[in-house]
Amino acid sequence: DVRRATAGAAGPLAHRRLTDALLFEI
């Protein structure tokens, strides 16, 4: 859920949040 993972963030912060959420799922 990309929107949930990046809620309230943009740019590099959004990239990092999404990446960390992805690694958690993996």
PDB file of all heavy atoms in Angstrom:
ATOM      1  N   ASP A   1       0.858  -1.174   0.000  1.00  0.00           N
ATOM      2  CA  ASP A   1       0.000   0.000   0.000  1.00  0.00           C
ATOM      3  C   ASP A   1       0.904   1.236   0.000  1.00  0.00           C
ATOM      4  O   ASP A   1       1.331   1.724   1.049  1.00  0.00           O
ATOM      5  CB  ASP A   1      -0.907  -0.003   1.237  1.00  0.00           C
ATOM      6  CG  ASP A   1      -1.969   1.093   1.206  1.00  0.00           C
ATOM      7  OD1 ASP A   1      -1.756   2.095   0.485  1.00  0.00           O
ATOM      8  OD2 ASP A   1      -2.982   0.958   1.891  1.00  0.00           O
ATOM      9  N   VAL A   2       1.208   1.734  -1.192  1.00  0.00           N
ATOM     10  CA  VAL A   2       2.170   2.826  -1.348  1.00  0.00           C
ATOM     11  C   VAL A   2       1.690   4.092  -0.643  1.00  0.00           C
ATOM     12  O   VAL A   2       2.468   4.786   0.022  1.00  0.00           O
ATOM     13  CB  VAL A   2       2.435   3.099  -2.840  1.00  0.00           C
ATOM     14  CG1 VAL A   2       3.312   4.324  -3.011  1.00  0.00           C
ATOM     15  CG2 VAL A   2       3.086   1.880  -3.488  1.00  0.00           C
ATOM     16  N   ARG A   3       0.414   4.414  -0.773  1.00  0.00           N
ATOM     17  CA  ARG A   3      -0.107   5.638  -0.160  1.00  0.00           C
ATOM     18  C   ARG A   3       0.021   5.589   1.360  1.00  0.00           C
ATOM     19  O   ARG A   3       0.392   6.579   2.000  1.00  0.00           O
ATOM     20  CB  ARG A   3      -1.564   5.833  -0.560  1.00  0.00           C
ATOM     21  CG  ARG A   3      -1.758   6.209  -2.040  1.00  0.00           C
ATOM     22  CD  ARG A   3      -3.214   6.502  -2.330  1.00  0.00           C
ATOM     23  NE  ARG A   3      -3.409   6.880  -3.732  1.00  0.00           N
ATOM     24  CZ  ARG A   3      -4.592   7.187  -4.257  1.00  0.00           C
ATOM     25  NH1 ARG A   3      -5.683   7.165  -3.477  1.00  0.00           N
ATOM     26  NH2 ARG A   3      -4.696   7.507  -5.519  1.00  0.00           N
ATOM     27  N   ARG A   4      -0.285   4.455   1.932  1.00  0.00           N
ATOM     28  CA  ARG A   4      -0.197   4.324   3.391  1.00  0.00           C
ATOM     29  C   ARG A   4       1.249   4.416   3.861  1.00  0.00           C
ATOM     30  O   ARG A   4       1.550   5.045   4.873  1.00  0.00           O
ATOM     31  CB  ARG A   4      -0.811   2.997   3.827  1.00  0.00           C
ATOM     32  CG  ARG A   4      -0.810   2.775   5.340  1.00  0.00           C
ATOM     33  CD  ARG A   4      -1.475   1.471   5.689  1.00  0.00           C
ATOM     34  NE  ARG A   4      -1.453   1.236   7.129  1.00  0.00           N
ATOM     35  CZ  ARG A   4      -1.933   0.144   7.709  1.00  0.00           C
ATOM     36  NH1 ARG A   4      -2.493  -0.806   6.972  1.00  0.00           N
ATOM     37  NH2 ARG A   4      -1.876   0.008   9.022  1.00  0.00           N
ATOM     38  N   ALA A   5       2.146   3.777   3.102  1.00  0.00           N
ATOM     39  CA  ALA A   5       3.555   3.754   3.503  1.00  0.00           C
ATOM     40  C   ALA A   5       4.201   5.132   3.428  1.00  0.00           C
ATOM     41  O   ALA A   5       5.149   5.416   4.161  1.00  0.00           O
ATOM     42  CB  ALA A   5       4.329   2.766   2.637  1.00  0.00           C
ATOM     43  N   THR A   6       3.692   5.987   2.551  1.00  0.00           N
ATOM     44  CA  THR A   6       4.318   7.300   2.350  1.00  0.00           C
ATOM     45  C   THR A   6       3.451   8.451   2.858  1.00  0.00           C
ATOM     46  O   THR A   6       3.728   9.610   2.529  1.00  0.00           O
ATOM     47  CB  THR A   6       4.628   7.518   0.859  1.00  0.00           C
ATOM     48  OG1 THR A   6       3.397   7.437   0.108  1.00  0.00           O
ATOM     49  CG2 THR A   6       5.599   6.475   0.348  1.00  0.00           C
ATOM     50  N   ALA A   7       2.418   8.158   3.631  1.00  0.00           N
ATOM     51  CA  ALA A   7       1.483   9.186   4.095  1.00  0.00           C
ATOM     52  C   ALA A   7       2.225  10.321   4.803  1.00  0.00           C
ATOM     53  O   ALA A   7       3.029  10.092   5.707  1.00  0.00           O
ATOM     54  CB  ALA A   7       0.457   8.576   5.038  1.00  0.00           C
ATOM     55  N   GLY A   8       1.962  11.554   4.355  1.00  0.00           N
ATOM     56  CA  GLY A   8       2.556  12.726   4.986  1.00  0.00           C
ATOM     57  C   GLY A   8       4.003  12.973   4.640  1.00  0.00           C
ATOM     58  O   GLY A   8       4.640  13.847   5.234  1.00  0.00           O
ATOM     59  N   ALA A   9       4.538  12.237   3.680  1.00  0.00           N
ATOM     60  CA  ALA A   9       5.951  12.401   3.314  1.00  0.00           C
ATOM     61  C   ALA A   9       6.079  12.648   1.817  1.00  0.00           C
ATOM     62  O   ALA A   9       5.203  12.301   1.024  1.00  0.00           O
ATOM     63  CB  ALA A   9       6.753  11.168   3.705  1.00  0.00           C
ATOM     64  N   ALA A  10       7.193  13.252   1.437  1.00  0.00           N
ATOM     65  CA  ALA A  10       7.472  13.508   0.023  1.00  0.00           C
ATOM     66  C   ALA A  10       8.978  13.452  -0.204  1.00  0.00           C
ATOM     67  O   ALA A  10       9.763  13.519   0.747  1.00  0.00           O
ATOM     68  CB  ALA A  10       6.929  14.868  -0.390  1.00  0.00           C
ATOM     69  N   GLY A  11       9.384  13.304  -1.468  1.00  0.00           N
ATOM     70  CA  GLY A  11      10.801  13.306  -1.809  1.00  0.00           C
ATOM     71  C   GLY A  11      11.561  12.169  -1.157  1.00  0.00           C
ATOM     72  O   GLY A  11      11.033  11.061  -0.991  1.00  0.00           O
ATOM     73  N   PRO A  12      12.813  12.416  -0.750  1.00  0.00           N
ATOM     74  CA  PRO A  12      13.661  11.375  -0.171  1.00  0.00           C
ATOM     75  C   PRO A  12      13.044  10.695   1.064  1.00  0.00           C
ATOM     76  O   PRO A  12      13.236   9.492   1.276  1.00  0.00           O
ATOM     77  CB  PRO A  12      14.941  12.132   0.195  1.00  0.00           C
ATOM     78  CG  PRO A  12      14.989  13.270  -0.763  1.00  0.00           C
ATOM     79  CD  PRO A  12      13.562  13.677  -0.949  1.00  0.00           C
ATOM     80  N   LEU A  13      12.295  11.458   1.865  1.00  0.00           N
ATOM     81  CA  LEU A  13      11.670  10.869   3.053  1.00  0.00           C
ATOM     82  C   LEU A  13      10.633   9.832   2.640  1.00  0.00           C
ATOM     83  O   LEU A  13      10.543   8.748   3.245  1.00  0.00           O
ATOM     84  CB  LEU A  13      11.017  11.956   3.906  1.00  0.00           C
ATOM     85  CG  LEU A  13      10.289  11.469   5.174  1.00  0.00           C
ATOM     86  CD1 LEU A  13      11.248  10.693   6.081  1.00  0.00           C
ATOM     87  CD2 LEU A  13       9.661  12.642   5.910  1.00  0.00           C
ATOM     88  N   ALA A  14       9.852  10.122   1.613  1.00  0.00           N
ATOM     89  CA  ALA A  14       8.863   9.162   1.107  1.00  0.00           C
ATOM     90  C   ALA A  14       9.548   7.925   0.553  1.00  0.00           C
ATOM     91  O   ALA A  14       9.092   6.796   0.755  1.00  0.00           O
ATOM     92  CB  ALA A  14       7.993   9.826   0.043  1.00  0.00           C
ATOM     93  N   HIS A  15      10.653   8.144  -0.154  1.00  0.00           N
ATOM     94  CA  HIS A  15      11.401   7.011  -0.708  1.00  0.00           C
ATOM     95  C   HIS A  15      11.900   6.091   0.400  1.00  0.00           C
ATOM     96  O   HIS A  15      11.820   4.864   0.295  1.00  0.00           O
ATOM     97  CB  HIS A  15      12.595   7.517  -1.535  1.00  0.00           C
ATOM     98  CG  HIS A  15      12.200   8.374  -2.694  1.00  0.00           C
ATOM     99  ND1 HIS A  15      13.070   9.260  -3.288  1.00  0.00           N
ATOM    100  CD2 HIS A  15      11.032   8.473  -3.371  1.00  0.00           C
ATOM    101  CE1 HIS A  15      12.456   9.873  -4.286  1.00  0.00           C
ATOM    102  NE2 HIS A  15      11.223   9.410  -4.358  1.00  0.00           N
ATOM    103  N   ARG A  16      12.432   6.683   1.466  1.00  0.00           N
ATOM    104  CA  ARG A  16      12.954   5.874   2.563  1.00  0.00           C
ATOM    105  C   ARG A  16      11.837   5.146   3.300  1.00  0.00           C
ATOM    106  O   ARG A  16      11.970   3.973   3.643  1.00  0.00           O
ATOM    107  CB  ARG A  16      13.755   6.774   3.517  1.00  0.00           C
ATOM    108  CG  ARG A  16      14.252   6.107   4.799  1.00  0.00           C
ATOM    109  CD  ARG A  16      14.886   4.751   4.592  1.00  0.00           C
ATOM    110  NE  ARG A  16      16.012   4.787   3.658  1.00  0.00           N
ATOM    111  CZ  ARG A  16      16.561   3.689   3.143  1.00  0.00           C
ATOM    112  NH1 ARG A  16      16.097   2.483   3.446  1.00  0.00           N
ATOM    113  NH2 ARG A  16      17.563   3.783   2.303  1.00  0.00           N
ATOM    114  N   ARG A  17      10.731   5.816   3.550  1.00  0.00           N
ATOM    115  CA  ARG A  17       9.622   5.172   4.246  1.00  0.00           C
ATOM    116  C   ARG A  17       9.084   3.986   3.450  1.00  0.00           C
ATOM    117  O   ARG A  17       8.816   2.922   4.010  1.00  0.00           O
ATOM    118  CB  ARG A  17       8.502   6.179   4.498  1.00  0.00           C
ATOM    119  CG  ARG A  17       8.777   7.153   5.632  1.00  0.00           C
ATOM    120  CD  ARG A  17       7.545   7.981   5.928  1.00  0.00           C
ATOM    121  NE  ARG A  17       7.778   8.926   7.011  1.00  0.00           N
ATOM    122  CZ  ARG A  17       6.856   9.789   7.450  1.00  0.00           C
ATOM    123  NH1 ARG A  17       5.658   9.813   6.890  1.00  0.00           N
ATOM    124  NH2 ARG A  17       7.145  10.604   8.443  1.00  0.00           N
ATOM    125  N   LEU A  18       8.922   4.180   2.150  1.00  0.00           N
ATOM    126  CA  LEU A  18       8.402   3.102   1.309  1.00  0.00           C
ATOM    127  C   LEU A  18       9.387   1.938   1.263  1.00  0.00           C
ATOM    128  O   LEU A  18       8.993   0.772   1.330  1.00  0.00           O
ATOM    129  CB  LEU A  18       8.120   3.629  -0.101  1.00  0.00           C
ATOM    130  CG  LEU A  18       7.565   2.610  -1.108  1.00  0.00           C
ATOM    131  CD1 LEU A  18       6.304   1.948  -0.576  1.00  0.00           C
ATOM    132  CD2 LEU A  18       7.300   3.275  -2.452  1.00  0.00           C
ATOM    133  N   THR A  19      10.664   2.255   1.160  1.00  0.00           N
ATOM    134  CA  THR A  19      11.690   1.204   1.124  1.00  0.00           C
ATOM    135  C   THR A  19      11.704   0.406   2.424  1.00  0.00           C
ATOM    136  O   THR A  19      11.767  -0.832   2.396  1.00  0.00           O
ATOM    137  CB  THR A  19      13.077   1.824   0.871  1.00  0.00           C
ATOM    138  OG1 THR A  19      13.057   2.558  -0.352  1.00  0.00           O
ATOM    139  CG2 THR A  19      14.148   0.744   0.791  1.00  0.00           C
ATOM    140  N   ASP A  20      11.634   1.088   3.551  1.00  0.00           N
ATOM    141  CA  ASP A  20      11.641   0.389   4.836  1.00  0.00           C
ATOM    142  C   ASP A  20      10.396  -0.473   5.012  1.00  0.00           C
ATOM    143  O   ASP A  20      10.467  -1.596   5.541  1.00  0.00           O
ATOM    144  CB  ASP A  20      11.744   1.401   5.981  1.00  0.00           C
ATOM    145  CG  ASP A  20      13.103   2.076   6.052  1.00  0.00           C
ATOM    146  OD1 ASP A  20      14.051   1.558   5.418  1.00  0.00           O
ATOM    147  OD2 ASP A  20      13.223   3.112   6.738  1.00  0.00           O
ATOM    148  N   ALA A  21       9.242   0.038   4.567  1.00  0.00           N
ATOM    149  CA  ALA A  21       8.010  -0.752   4.638  1.00  0.00           C
ATOM    150  C   ALA A  21       8.111  -1.992   3.753  1.00  0.00           C
ATOM    151  O   ALA A  21       7.666  -3.087   4.128  1.00  0.00           O
ATOM    152  CB  ALA A  21       6.812   0.107   4.222  1.00  0.00           C
ATOM    153  N   LEU A  22       8.720  -1.833   2.591  1.00  0.00           N
ATOM    154  CA  LEU A  22       8.904  -2.951   1.673  1.00  0.00           C
ATOM    155  C   LEU A  22       9.819  -4.010   2.269  1.00  0.00           C
ATOM    156  O   LEU A  22       9.525  -5.207   2.217  1.00  0.00           O
ATOM    157  CB  LEU A  22       9.486  -2.431   0.354  1.00  0.00           C
ATOM    158  CG  LEU A  22       9.877  -3.479  -0.679  1.00  0.00           C
ATOM    159  CD1 LEU A  22       8.672  -4.299  -1.106  1.00  0.00           C
ATOM    160  CD2 LEU A  22      10.529  -2.809  -1.882  1.00  0.00           C
ATOM    161  N   LEU A  23      10.942  -3.583   2.851  1.00  0.00           N
ATOM    162  CA  LEU A  23      11.874  -4.545   3.452  1.00  0.00           C
ATOM    163  C   LEU A  23      11.229  -5.284   4.620  1.00  0.00           C
ATOM    164  O   LEU A  23      11.520  -6.466   4.848  1.00  0.00           O
ATOM    165  CB  LEU A  23      13.149  -3.836   3.895  1.00  0.00           C
ATOM    166  CG  LEU A  23      14.317  -3.825   2.889  1.00  0.00           C
ATOM    167  CD1 LEU A  23      14.892  -5.224   2.718  1.00  0.00           C
ATOM    168  CD2 LEU A  23      13.898  -3.267   1.529  1.00  0.00           C
ATOM    169  N   PHE A  24      10.340  -4.613   5.350  1.00  0.00           N
ATOM    170  CA  PHE A  24       9.616  -5.288   6.433  1.00  0.00           C
ATOM    171  C   PHE A  24       8.759  -6.421   5.868  1.00  0.00           C
ATOM    172  O   PHE A  24       8.736  -7.536   6.421  1.00  0.00           O
ATOM    173  CB  PHE A  24       8.732  -4.291   7.188  1.00  0.00           C
ATOM    174  CG  PHE A  24       7.877  -4.940   8.248  1.00  0.00           C
ATOM    175  CD1 PHE A  24       8.404  -5.261   9.496  1.00  0.00           C
ATOM    176  CD2 PHE A  24       6.541  -5.244   7.988  1.00  0.00           C
ATOM    177  CE1 PHE A  24       7.617  -5.880  10.469  1.00  0.00           C
ATOM    178  CE2 PHE A  24       5.754  -5.857   8.951  1.00  0.00           C
ATOM    179  CZ  PHE A  24       6.292  -6.177  10.191  1.00  0.00           C
ATOM    180  N   GLU A  25       8.055  -6.158   4.769  1.00  0.00           N
ATOM    181  CA  GLU A  25       7.207  -7.185   4.161  1.00  0.00           C
ATOM    182  C   GLU A  25       8.049  -8.341   3.611  1.00  0.00           C
ATOM    183  O   GLU A  25       7.679  -9.511   3.740  1.00  0.00           O
ATOM    184  CB  GLU A  25       6.352  -6.576   3.046  1.00  0.00           C
ATOM    185  CG  GLU A  25       5.349  -5.536   3.520  1.00  0.00           C
ATOM    186  CD  GLU A  25       4.357  -6.101   4.529  1.00  0.00           C
ATOM    187  OE1 GLU A  25       4.014  -7.293   4.431  1.00  0.00           O
ATOM    188  OE2 GLU A  25       3.927  -5.332   5.417  1.00  0.00           O
ATOM    189  N   ILE A  26       9.184  -8.020   3.008  1.00  0.00           N
ATOM    190  CA  ILE A  26      10.071  -9.065   2.501  1.00  0.00           C
ATOM    191  C   ILE A  26      10.579  -9.922   3.648  1.00  0.00           C
ATOM    192  O   ILE A  26      10.655 -11.161   3.540  1.00  0.00           O
ATOM    193  CB  ILE A  26      11.252  -8.446   1.717  1.00  0.00           C
ATOM    194  CG1 ILE A  26      10.751  -7.770   0.437  1.00  0.00           C
ATOM    195  CG2 ILE A  26      12.301  -9.508   1.385  1.00  0.00           C
ATOM    196  CD1 ILE A  26      11.819  -7.011  -0.319  1.00  0.00           C
TER     197      ILE A  26
END
